[in-house]
Each structure stands twice: as structure tokens, then as C-alpha cells.
């Protein structure tokens, strides 16, 4: 029943977190998903103590080698390329593997002249255990996005749950079309980081989607029950005539 209501309270409209699998099964056309670059595996290039075991546990838990799922999909027959950062693999953090998969997906969307959707189930930022290898994913992915947009691509970002830090400040935040699922939280530094670095307690709704909309960070707030409809509408009303279906 919870999934049937898209994790939304029928009384107050609050959007509770949903597993990433729900989106794979309910947003895209049935049978249209085709995953690619599944051979790219998240690693421990700095041999950070104990981190190899944590990555192994994440792979066993999810069945995926990295925290970014890239795949072909269709929305009412429109073919798109999708990159999904999901919470179950190291809280959706981005390391060298996730960044490489994002860039390759972006390049594929550019070659195929297809819309590119970055759905952010959750991201906890750049994977600090990879040091500079992780940090360099921000400019690397941003440049890939810039080249895709300059080539006439349609880049859409949709945030859900908790979306913070480096990815939001770089390759996600540079999208001209950013939307958030109602009740999601978006920002550069999370509440705990702000408290520890500044000693300031922020307002409970500081990172709310509504405040992000007021600040001009996002262009709209979507009800999760209408995700598929809103996405299709965006695909039909935005973007360049150079896209294959225009």
C-alpha cells in the first residue's frame, strides 16, 4: 500500500523516503530499462583503512558495483539516458567510478541526441575517502554537462530525499532545469556540517524544497505521484530542436 501511494501521506501530503527500486519500476515505461557500463567498479585508490571492506559490503547489499546507475529508458515512448545516484550505495556519494559513469552517460546522450536525466535519489556529496580522485569529479562532470548542453542537449535534474554538497554545487547545480520532489532537502552543507563548522543552529526548514525554490535554486517542486507526468511534460516542452524527437 505504501508504494501504491508513492510514499505520500494522503492526509498531509508529506513525501516519505522510498527505495530507489520504486522509481525504476514506476517512472519509466515497462521493459524499457537497459543498464550500461556496469563493469565500472568503485575502488579505494588511496587504500583508506577499512574502506575496501565498506565498499565490498555496499556491493553485496545492492548487487551493484558503484553508486551511480546509468541506463537507457523510455517515458511514454521518448527515449532518454538516465544517471541515478542512490542512497543504498555509500549514501549516494560520488567517487571516480560514479563520476566516470556520469560522464560516459552524458557523452552517450550527446551522441544519440537524447535528453539526459539525473535523478538524485540521495547524494551525500563527494566521497572523501578518495581524496583528490573524488574532488576532481566535480569539474570533470561539469565540463561534460556543459559540452552536452552546448551541443543542444536537454539536461534535467530531479532531487529527492537528501541532496547535499559537491555534486549539488557543481554538475547538478549547473542544470538550467532543476526540480525537487516535495519534502526533499537540498543544499551545499547539511545541518550537521553547518553546526560543526559555524556553531549556528539553522532553521528546520532551511534546506526544504520550498526554500530552494524561493532562492531560485530549483525551477519547480513535483509531487512524487505525478513524477512520470511532469517528466513527460518537461521532455515535450523544453530543450533544443536538435534532439532526436523534435
Protein backbone atom coordinates (compact mmCIF):
# COMPACT_ATOMS: atom_id res chain seq x y z
CA UNK A 1 0.00 0.00 0.00
CA UNK A 2 2.85 2.39 0.84
CA UNK A 3 4.28 2.06 -2.64
CA UNK A 4 0.86 2.40 -4.24
CA UNK A 5 0.57 5.89 -2.74
CA UNK A 6 4.14 6.73 -3.84
CA UNK A 7 5.14 7.15 -0.21
CA UNK A 8 2.88 10.19 0.14
CA UNK A 9 0.64 10.77 3.16
CA UNK A 10 -2.94 11.03 1.92
CA UNK A 11 -3.81 13.44 4.73
CA UNK A 12 -0.99 16.00 4.83
CA UNK A 13 0.88 15.34 1.57
CA UNK A 14 4.23 14.67 3.24
CA UNK A 15 6.56 12.67 0.99
CA UNK A 16 8.31 9.89 2.89
CA UNK A 17 11.51 8.32 1.51
CA UNK A 18 11.08 5.46 -0.96
CA UNK A 19 13.56 2.82 -2.07
CA UNK A 20 15.26 3.58 -5.37
CA UNK A 21 13.73 0.41 -6.86
CA UNK A 22 10.30 2.07 -6.76
CA UNK A 23 11.44 4.64 -9.31
CA UNK A 24 12.89 2.05 -11.64
CA UNK A 25 9.56 0.21 -11.63
CA UNK A 26 7.12 3.14 -11.73
CA UNK A 27 8.58 6.13 -13.57
CA UNK A 28 9.76 4.62 -16.83
CA UNK A 29 7.99 2.54 -19.48
CA UNK A 30 7.78 -1.12 -18.55
CA UNK A 31 10.62 -3.16 -20.01
CA UNK A 32 12.48 -0.12 -21.34
CA UNK A 33 15.42 -0.07 -18.91
CA UNK A 34 18.80 -1.15 -20.28
CA UNK A 35 21.76 -0.63 -17.95
CA UNK A 36 25.22 0.11 -19.32
CA UNK A 37 28.80 0.49 -18.07
CA UNK A 38 28.05 -1.96 -15.26
CA UNK A 39 31.68 -3.10 -15.32
CA UNK A 40 32.92 0.15 -13.71
CA UNK A 41 33.62 -0.59 -10.04
CA UNK A 42 34.04 1.83 -7.13
CA UNK A 43 37.53 1.45 -5.67
CA UNK A 44 39.83 2.51 -2.87
CA UNK A 45 42.68 4.28 -4.73
CA UNK A 46 44.23 5.76 -1.56
CA UNK A 47 44.00 2.44 0.30
CA UNK A 48 41.97 4.16 3.01
CA UNK A 49 41.96 1.93 6.07
CA UNK A 50 38.89 -0.29 6.21
CA UNK A 51 37.24 1.33 3.20
CA UNK A 52 37.68 -1.67 0.90
CA UNK A 53 35.54 -3.68 3.32
CA UNK A 54 32.87 -0.99 3.32
CA UNK A 55 32.77 -0.96 -0.46
CA UNK A 56 32.52 -4.73 -0.52
CA UNK A 57 29.60 -4.55 1.89
CA UNK A 58 27.88 -1.96 -0.31
CA UNK A 59 28.30 -4.14 -3.39
CA UNK A 60 26.89 -7.15 -1.57
CA UNK A 61 23.98 -5.13 -0.22
CA UNK A 62 22.92 -3.59 -3.54
CA UNK A 63 24.22 -6.02 -6.14
CA UNK A 64 25.77 -3.06 -7.98
CA UNK A 65 29.48 -2.20 -8.29
CA UNK A 66 29.09 1.57 -7.83
CA UNK A 67 26.65 4.17 -6.52
CA UNK A 68 25.58 5.53 -9.90
CA UNK A 69 23.14 3.58 -12.07
CA UNK A 70 23.24 4.57 -15.74
CA UNK A 71 20.68 3.24 -18.16
CA UNK A 72 18.54 3.75 -21.24
CA UNK A 73 14.85 4.27 -20.53
CA UNK A 74 11.64 5.48 -22.12
CA UNK A 75 8.95 7.84 -20.84
CA UNK A 76 5.77 7.45 -22.86
CA UNK A 77 7.88 6.26 -25.75
CA UNK A 78 10.50 9.04 -25.56
CA UNK A 79 14.00 7.55 -25.26
CA UNK A 80 16.21 9.12 -22.60
CA UNK A 81 19.51 8.48 -20.84
CA UNK A 82 19.43 8.37 -17.03
CA UNK A 83 22.05 8.63 -14.29
CA UNK A 84 20.80 7.79 -10.79
CA UNK A 85 22.71 8.36 -7.55
CA UNK A 86 21.07 6.18 -4.93
CA UNK A 87 21.25 6.03 -1.16
CA UNK A 88 21.91 2.31 -0.68
CA UNK A 89 25.47 2.52 -2.03
CA UNK A 90 27.53 4.65 0.38
CA UNK A 91 24.73 7.21 0.69
CA UNK A 92 24.94 8.19 -2.97
CA UNK A 93 28.43 9.65 -2.65
CA UNK A 94 30.42 10.32 -5.81
CA UNK A 95 33.86 8.89 -6.40
CA UNK A 96 35.92 8.22 -9.52
CA UNK A 97 33.67 5.35 -10.65
CA UNK A 98 30.43 7.29 -10.23
CA UNK A 99 31.91 10.33 -11.96
CA UNK A 100 33.19 8.28 -14.88
CA UNK A 101 29.80 6.65 -15.33
CA UNK A 102 28.13 10.06 -15.27
CA UNK A 103 30.49 11.45 -17.93
CA UNK A 104 30.05 8.41 -20.18
CA UNK A 105 26.26 8.66 -19.86
CA UNK A 106 26.42 12.35 -20.72
CA UNK A 107 28.59 11.65 -23.76
CA UNK A 108 26.20 8.93 -24.91
CA UNK A 109 23.23 11.30 -24.60
CA UNK A 110 25.13 13.85 -26.69
CA UNK A 111 25.95 11.33 -29.43
CA UNK A 112 22.42 9.93 -29.52
CA UNK A 113 20.83 13.40 -29.20
CA UNK A 114 18.71 12.18 -26.32
CA UNK A 115 17.55 14.00 -23.18
CA UNK A 116 19.67 13.34 -20.11
CA UNK A 117 18.01 12.92 -16.71
CA UNK A 118 19.99 12.99 -13.47
CA UNK A 119 17.67 11.58 -10.84
CA UNK A 120 19.17 12.09 -7.38
CA UNK A 121 17.57 9.59 -5.03
CA UNK A 122 20.16 10.78 -2.48
CA UNK A 123 23.67 12.17 -2.56
CA UNK A 124 25.91 12.73 0.40
CA UNK A 125 28.48 14.58 -1.69
CA UNK A 126 31.95 13.70 -2.92
CA UNK A 127 33.49 10.51 -1.49
CA UNK A 128 36.14 11.91 0.85
CA UNK A 129 37.95 8.56 1.17
CA UNK A 130 39.15 9.06 -2.43
CA UNK A 131 40.67 12.49 -1.74
CA UNK A 132 41.58 14.37 -4.91
CA UNK A 133 40.26 11.49 -7.04
CA UNK A 134 36.81 12.28 -5.67
CA UNK A 135 37.08 16.08 -5.77
CA UNK A 136 38.11 16.13 -9.44
CA UNK A 137 34.79 14.54 -10.38
CA UNK A 138 33.12 17.94 -9.87
CA UNK A 139 34.89 19.81 -12.70
CA UNK A 140 35.09 16.65 -14.81
CA UNK A 141 31.33 16.07 -14.75
CA UNK A 142 30.56 19.79 -15.03
CA UNK A 143 32.58 20.05 -18.26
CA UNK A 144 30.79 17.01 -19.69
CA UNK A 145 27.42 18.60 -18.88
CA UNK A 146 28.49 21.93 -20.38
CA UNK A 147 29.53 20.28 -23.65
CA UNK A 148 26.26 18.33 -23.76
CA UNK A 149 24.14 21.46 -23.20
CA UNK A 150 26.17 23.46 -25.74
CA UNK A 151 25.50 20.68 -28.27
CA UNK A 152 21.76 21.23 -27.81
CA UNK A 153 21.01 18.60 -25.16
CA UNK A 154 18.23 18.73 -22.58
CA UNK A 155 19.67 18.17 -19.10
CA UNK A 156 17.10 17.72 -16.32
CA UNK A 157 17.95 17.21 -12.64
CA UNK A 158 15.40 15.93 -10.12
CA UNK A 159 16.30 15.87 -6.41
CA UNK A 160 14.69 13.63 -3.82
CA UNK A 161 15.29 12.80 -0.14
CA UNK A 162 18.61 14.44 0.87
CA UNK A 163 20.83 16.07 -1.76
CA UNK A 164 23.89 17.88 -0.46
CA UNK A 165 27.46 19.03 -1.06
CA UNK A 166 29.80 18.89 -4.07
CA UNK A 167 27.56 17.34 -6.75
CA UNK A 168 24.78 19.84 -5.99
CA UNK A 169 27.29 22.70 -6.11
CA UNK A 170 28.74 21.62 -9.45
CA UNK A 171 27.46 19.27 -12.14
CA UNK A 172 23.91 19.03 -10.76
CA UNK A 173 23.52 22.67 -9.82
CA UNK A 174 24.58 23.89 -13.25
CA UNK A 175 21.49 22.42 -14.93
CA UNK A 176 19.07 25.04 -16.28
CA UNK A 177 16.19 22.71 -15.38
CA UNK A 178 16.26 21.58 -11.74
CA UNK A 179 13.26 20.20 -9.87
CA UNK A 180 12.71 18.69 -6.45
CA UNK A 181 10.27 16.16 -5.09
CA UNK A 182 8.17 17.72 -2.35
CA UNK A 183 9.60 17.16 1.17
CA UNK A 184 13.14 16.66 -0.19
CA UNK A 185 16.07 18.57 1.29
CA UNK A 186 18.67 20.34 -0.85
CA UNK A 187 21.78 22.34 -0.07
CA UNK A 188 25.54 22.60 -0.14
CA UNK A 189 26.32 21.86 3.52
CA UNK A 190 23.97 19.73 5.61
CA UNK A 191 22.67 20.81 9.05
CA UNK A 192 25.31 18.87 10.96
CA UNK A 193 28.19 20.27 8.91
CA UNK A 194 26.88 23.82 9.35
CA UNK A 195 26.53 23.32 13.08
CA UNK A 196 30.03 21.86 13.47
CA UNK A 197 31.80 24.48 11.37
CA UNK A 198 29.94 27.64 12.40
CA UNK A 199 28.28 26.77 15.70
CA UNK A 200 24.99 28.04 14.28
CA UNK A 201 21.72 26.12 14.53
CA UNK A 202 19.81 26.60 11.30
CA UNK A 203 16.02 26.62 10.95
CA UNK A 204 14.44 23.15 10.49
CA UNK A 205 13.14 24.08 7.04
CA UNK A 206 16.35 25.78 5.85
CA UNK A 207 17.08 23.04 3.28
CA UNK A 208 13.47 22.45 2.25
CA UNK A 209 12.48 22.26 -1.41
CA UNK A 210 10.22 25.27 -0.87
CA UNK A 211 13.14 27.42 0.29
CA UNK A 212 15.26 26.15 -2.59
CA UNK A 213 12.52 27.34 -4.95
CA UNK A 214 12.35 30.74 -3.22
CA UNK A 215 16.11 31.15 -3.57
CA UNK A 216 15.94 30.32 -7.28
CA UNK A 217 17.99 27.13 -6.92
CA UNK A 218 15.28 24.99 -8.48
CA UNK A 219 12.59 25.75 -11.04
CA UNK A 220 9.75 23.73 -9.58
CA UNK A 221 8.50 21.25 -6.98
CA UNK A 222 6.99 17.97 -8.10
CA UNK A 223 4.55 15.71 -6.33
CA UNK A 224 6.04 12.22 -6.47
CA UNK A 225 2.66 10.79 -7.54
CA UNK A 226 2.93 12.99 -10.66
CA UNK A 227 6.63 12.39 -11.34
CA UNK A 228 6.09 10.49 -14.56
CA UNK A 229 3.57 13.02 -15.90
CA UNK A 230 5.75 16.00 -15.00
CA UNK A 231 8.80 14.38 -16.57
CA UNK A 232 6.97 13.69 -19.81
CA UNK A 233 5.67 17.26 -19.89
CA UNK A 234 9.20 18.58 -19.37
CA UNK A 235 10.51 16.42 -22.22
CA UNK A 236 7.79 17.71 -24.53
CA UNK A 237 8.09 21.41 -23.70
CA UNK A 238 11.81 22.02 -23.05
CA UNK A 239 15.01 21.55 -24.94
CA UNK A 240 16.59 22.16 -28.30
CA UNK A 241 15.21 21.29 -31.75
CA UNK A 242 18.42 19.26 -32.24
CA UNK A 243 17.04 16.48 -30.01
CA UNK A 244 16.12 13.39 -32.00
CA UNK A 245 12.37 13.58 -31.34
CA UNK A 246 11.94 17.30 -32.13
